[in-house]
Amino acid sequence: MKVKVLNLDGSAGKADIELSDDVFGLEPRADILHRVVTWQLENRRGTARAARERSDVARTGKKFGRQKGGGTARHGDRKAPIFIGGGKAHGPRRRDFNLSLNKKVRSLGLKMALSSKAKNGLVVVDSLDMKDAKTKALSAQFAKAGWSKVLVIDGEAVNEGFARASANLAGVNVLPAVGANVYDILKHDTLVLTRAAVEKLEARFNG
């Protein structure tokens, strides 16, 4: 698949780039994408903490008070939920959200996410180098290109000047190639890849 390389302001560059059909030319499947996104979001969740119930509290089980004549109810256990320091009645249980998902499915999901953007919303740029690495200049370039909700993926590491310039722009996120993931790709309207990012992603699947 041949794609025109653009500049950061959306204008046409001077070269083309050949994208691998094995990575950018698949037919996206909603069920695979849904499984991978669900797996990602579930694994972001922390463990739900459990409350200590009656059997978990370390208090005496000795009967206190007389059976009759005390003028109060006949209690036999300080761990009962009605007492301060007693166990919680019907409290929350510990829950883990660490789902497992086959590596092949995760890999296929990422390729399908990239392929869905290749159909509509993928931009390839030569690099993220800017003459004037300022937020105002970058905002003007993105406005000229008509990009608002943008995910930018660079190669081994993100260009420092671009990262600083984009830090305060709402709706613009920047990742190195190793951080590319299905949820972030699908969440943004436009996916911007550098040449280095394309090489890294293709090598990731072919290696």
Protein backbone atom coordinates (compact mmCIF):
# COMPACT_ATOMS: atom_id res chain seq x y z
CA MET A 1 0.00 0.00 0.00
CA LYS A 2 1.55 3.30 -1.11
CA VAL A 3 0.85 6.42 0.98
CA LYS A 4 1.84 10.03 0.39
CA VAL A 5 4.18 11.45 3.02
CA LEU A 6 2.78 14.74 4.38
CA ASN A 7 4.17 17.64 6.38
CA LEU A 8 3.00 18.52 9.90
CA ASP A 9 0.67 21.20 8.50
CA GLY A 10 -1.08 18.65 6.27
CA SER A 11 0.56 19.80 3.04
CA ALA A 12 1.91 17.20 0.62
CA GLY A 13 5.53 16.16 0.97
CA LYS A 14 7.93 15.15 -1.77
CA ALA A 15 7.96 11.39 -1.29
CA ASP A 16 5.78 8.31 -0.91
CA ILE A 17 6.10 5.40 1.52
CA GLU A 18 5.18 1.76 1.00
CA LEU A 19 3.17 0.31 3.90
CA SER A 20 3.06 -3.43 4.53
CA ASP A 21 -0.31 -4.98 3.70
CA ASP A 22 0.27 -7.52 6.49
CA VAL A 23 0.16 -4.68 9.05
CA PHE A 24 -1.87 -1.88 7.45
CA GLY A 25 -4.00 -3.79 4.92
CA LEU A 26 -6.14 -6.11 7.05
CA GLU A 27 -9.92 -6.02 7.24
CA PRO A 28 -10.79 -4.83 10.79
CA ARG A 29 -13.05 -7.07 12.88
CA ALA A 30 -15.14 -5.47 15.61
CA ASP A 31 -15.05 -8.57 17.83
CA ILE A 32 -11.21 -8.68 17.90
CA LEU A 33 -10.91 -4.94 18.56
CA HIS A 34 -13.53 -5.17 21.32
CA ARG A 35 -11.68 -8.03 23.04
CA VAL A 36 -8.36 -6.18 23.01
CA VAL A 37 -9.82 -2.86 24.22
CA THR A 38 -11.70 -4.66 27.02
CA TRP A 39 -8.49 -6.45 28.02
CA GLN A 40 -6.58 -3.15 28.11
CA LEU A 41 -9.16 -1.30 30.18
CA GLU A 42 -9.69 -4.18 32.63
CA ASN A 43 -5.95 -4.43 33.27
CA ARG A 44 -5.82 -0.72 34.10
CA ARG A 45 -8.14 -1.27 37.05
CA GLY A 46 -6.72 -1.76 40.51
CA THR A 47 -7.64 -4.60 42.82
CA ALA A 48 -10.91 -3.98 44.67
CA ARG A 49 -10.14 -4.07 48.39
CA ALA A 50 -12.15 -6.39 50.58
CA ALA A 51 -13.77 -5.46 53.90
CA ARG A 52 -13.09 -7.63 56.95
CA GLU A 53 -16.10 -9.75 57.71
CA ARG A 54 -17.02 -11.51 60.92
CA SER A 55 -14.66 -14.42 60.35
CA ASP A 56 -11.74 -12.08 59.56
CA VAL A 57 -11.83 -9.96 62.72
CA ALA A 58 -9.58 -10.95 65.62
CA ARG A 59 -11.79 -10.39 68.68
CA THR A 60 -12.85 -12.63 71.51
CA GLY A 61 -15.48 -15.24 70.93
CA LYS A 62 -16.08 -15.64 74.63
CA LYS A 63 -19.63 -15.03 75.78
CA PHE A 64 -19.80 -11.78 77.70
CA GLY A 65 -22.53 -11.02 80.18
CA ARG A 66 -25.10 -13.28 81.69
CA GLN A 67 -27.67 -15.17 79.68
CA LYS A 68 -30.49 -13.65 81.76
CA GLY A 69 -30.94 -10.74 84.07
CA GLY A 70 -28.53 -8.31 82.43
CA GLY A 71 -31.22 -6.21 80.85
CA THR A 72 -29.59 -6.46 77.42
CA ALA A 73 -29.60 -8.87 74.52
CA ARG A 74 -27.82 -12.20 74.91
CA HIS A 75 -24.59 -11.72 72.92
CA GLY A 76 -21.92 -14.37 72.67
CA ASP A 77 -19.37 -12.83 70.27
CA ARG A 78 -17.64 -9.45 70.06
CA LYS A 79 -16.99 -10.01 66.33
CA ALA A 80 -20.66 -9.51 65.53
CA PRO A 81 -21.28 -6.70 62.96
CA ILE A 82 -23.42 -4.69 65.42
CA PHE A 83 -20.39 -3.90 67.62
CA ILE A 84 -17.70 -1.27 67.03
CA GLY A 85 -14.62 -3.18 65.88
CA GLY A 86 -16.71 -6.10 64.70
CA GLY A 87 -16.82 -7.52 61.19
CA LYS A 88 -18.60 -5.88 58.29
CA ALA A 89 -21.91 -7.48 57.34
CA HIS A 90 -22.09 -8.34 53.62
CA GLY A 91 -18.99 -6.25 52.85
CA PRO A 92 -17.22 -5.98 49.49
CA ARG A 93 -15.14 -8.97 48.41
CA ARG A 94 -11.66 -8.82 46.92
CA ARG A 95 -11.78 -8.74 43.12
CA ASP A 96 -8.95 -8.86 40.60
CA PHE A 97 -9.33 -7.59 37.04
CA ASN A 98 -6.18 -9.06 35.49
CA LEU A 99 -7.62 -10.70 32.40
CA SER A 100 -5.44 -12.82 30.17
CA LEU A 101 -5.52 -12.56 26.39
CA ASN A 102 -3.59 -14.60 23.86
CA LYS A 103 -0.57 -12.76 22.41
CA LYS A 104 -1.67 -13.58 18.89
CA VAL A 105 -5.05 -11.93 19.49
CA ARG A 106 -3.37 -8.84 20.98
CA SER A 107 -1.02 -8.62 18.01
CA LEU A 108 -3.88 -9.09 15.54
CA GLY A 109 -5.91 -6.39 17.34
CA LEU A 110 -3.10 -3.84 16.97
CA LYS A 111 -2.70 -4.63 13.27
CA MET A 112 -6.45 -4.26 12.77
CA ALA A 113 -6.46 -0.92 14.61
CA LEU A 114 -3.65 0.33 12.35
CA SER A 115 -5.52 -1.00 9.30
CA SER A 116 -8.73 0.78 10.32
CA LYS A 117 -6.81 4.06 10.48
CA ALA A 118 -5.13 3.31 7.14
CA LYS A 119 -8.62 3.28 5.61
CA ASN A 120 -9.49 6.66 7.13
CA GLY A 121 -7.41 8.82 9.45
CA LEU A 122 -3.78 7.74 8.91
CA VAL A 123 -1.09 10.34 8.20
CA VAL A 124 2.59 9.57 7.62
CA VAL A 125 5.15 12.35 8.12
CA ASP A 126 8.88 12.31 7.47
CA SER A 127 9.82 13.35 11.03
CA LEU A 128 8.66 15.51 13.94
CA ASP A 129 11.48 18.05 13.62
CA MET A 130 10.27 21.65 13.92
CA LYS A 131 12.17 24.86 13.19
CA ASP A 132 10.24 26.63 15.94
CA ALA A 133 9.32 24.03 18.58
CA LYS A 134 6.64 26.16 20.23
CA THR A 135 3.10 25.25 21.25
CA LYS A 136 1.62 28.17 19.31
CA ALA A 137 3.43 27.19 16.10
CA LEU A 138 2.39 23.54 16.39
CA SER A 139 -1.20 24.49 17.16
CA ALA A 140 -1.28 26.64 14.01
CA GLN A 141 0.09 23.76 11.93
CA PHE A 142 -2.50 21.33 13.25
CA ALA A 143 -5.28 23.89 12.71
CA LYS A 144 -4.14 24.34 9.10
CA ALA A 145 -4.19 20.56 8.60
CA GLY A 146 -7.62 20.29 10.27
CA TRP A 147 -6.45 17.85 12.96
CA SER A 148 -8.00 18.14 16.42
CA LYS A 149 -7.93 14.77 18.20
CA VAL A 150 -4.51 13.45 17.22
CA LEU A 151 -2.29 10.55 18.33
CA VAL A 152 1.31 11.00 17.19
CA ILE A 153 3.62 7.96 17.24
CA ASP A 154 7.37 8.40 16.78
CA GLY A 155 10.18 5.84 16.51
CA GLU A 156 12.53 4.66 19.25
CA ALA A 157 11.92 7.82 21.32
CA VAL A 158 9.69 10.86 20.91
CA ASN A 159 11.29 14.00 19.48
CA GLU A 160 11.96 16.22 22.53
CA GLY A 161 11.10 19.54 20.90
CA PHE A 162 7.82 18.18 19.53
CA ALA A 163 6.95 16.59 22.88
CA ARG A 164 7.43 19.94 24.66
CA ALA A 165 5.45 21.84 22.03
CA SER A 166 2.52 19.40 22.14
CA ALA A 167 2.41 18.97 25.94
CA ASN A 168 -0.23 21.69 26.46
CA LEU A 169 -2.34 20.97 23.38
CA ALA A 170 -5.72 19.46 24.24
CA GLY A 171 -6.53 16.31 22.31
CA VAL A 172 -2.94 15.71 21.19
CA ASN A 173 -1.04 12.72 22.59
CA VAL A 174 2.44 11.51 21.72
CA LEU A 175 3.86 7.99 22.12
CA PRO A 176 7.01 6.12 21.09
CA ALA A 177 6.45 3.16 18.75
CA VAL A 178 6.79 0.68 21.60
CA GLY A 179 3.77 2.29 23.32
CA ALA A 180 1.38 1.90 20.38
CA ASN A 181 -1.84 0.30 21.57
CA VAL A 182 -5.34 -0.40 20.27
CA TYR A 183 -7.30 1.75 22.73
CA ASP A 184 -5.34 4.96 22.08
CA ILE A 185 -5.32 4.44 18.32
CA LEU A 186 -9.09 3.98 18.15
CA LYS A 187 -9.80 6.80 20.59
CA HIS A 188 -8.21 9.46 18.36
CA ASP A 189 -9.59 10.68 15.06
CA THR A 190 -6.20 11.04 13.37
CA LEU A 191 -3.14 8.80 13.68
CA VAL A 192 0.17 10.44 12.72
CA LEU A 193 3.12 8.11 12.18
CA THR A 194 6.69 9.08 11.41
CA ARG A 195 8.80 7.05 9.00
CA ALA A 196 10.70 5.70 12.00
CA ALA A 197 7.42 4.63 13.64
CA VAL A 198 6.32 2.76 10.50
CA GLU A 199 9.66 0.91 10.39
CA LYS A 200 9.46 0.03 14.09
CA LEU A 201 5.86 -1.20 13.88
CA GLU A 202 6.48 -3.32 10.80
CA ALA A 203 9.65 -4.78 12.35
CA ARG A 204 7.67 -5.53 15.53
CA PHE A 205 5.30 -7.81 13.64
CA ASN A 206 7.76 -9.25 11.16
CA GLY A 207 10.43 -9.99 13.75
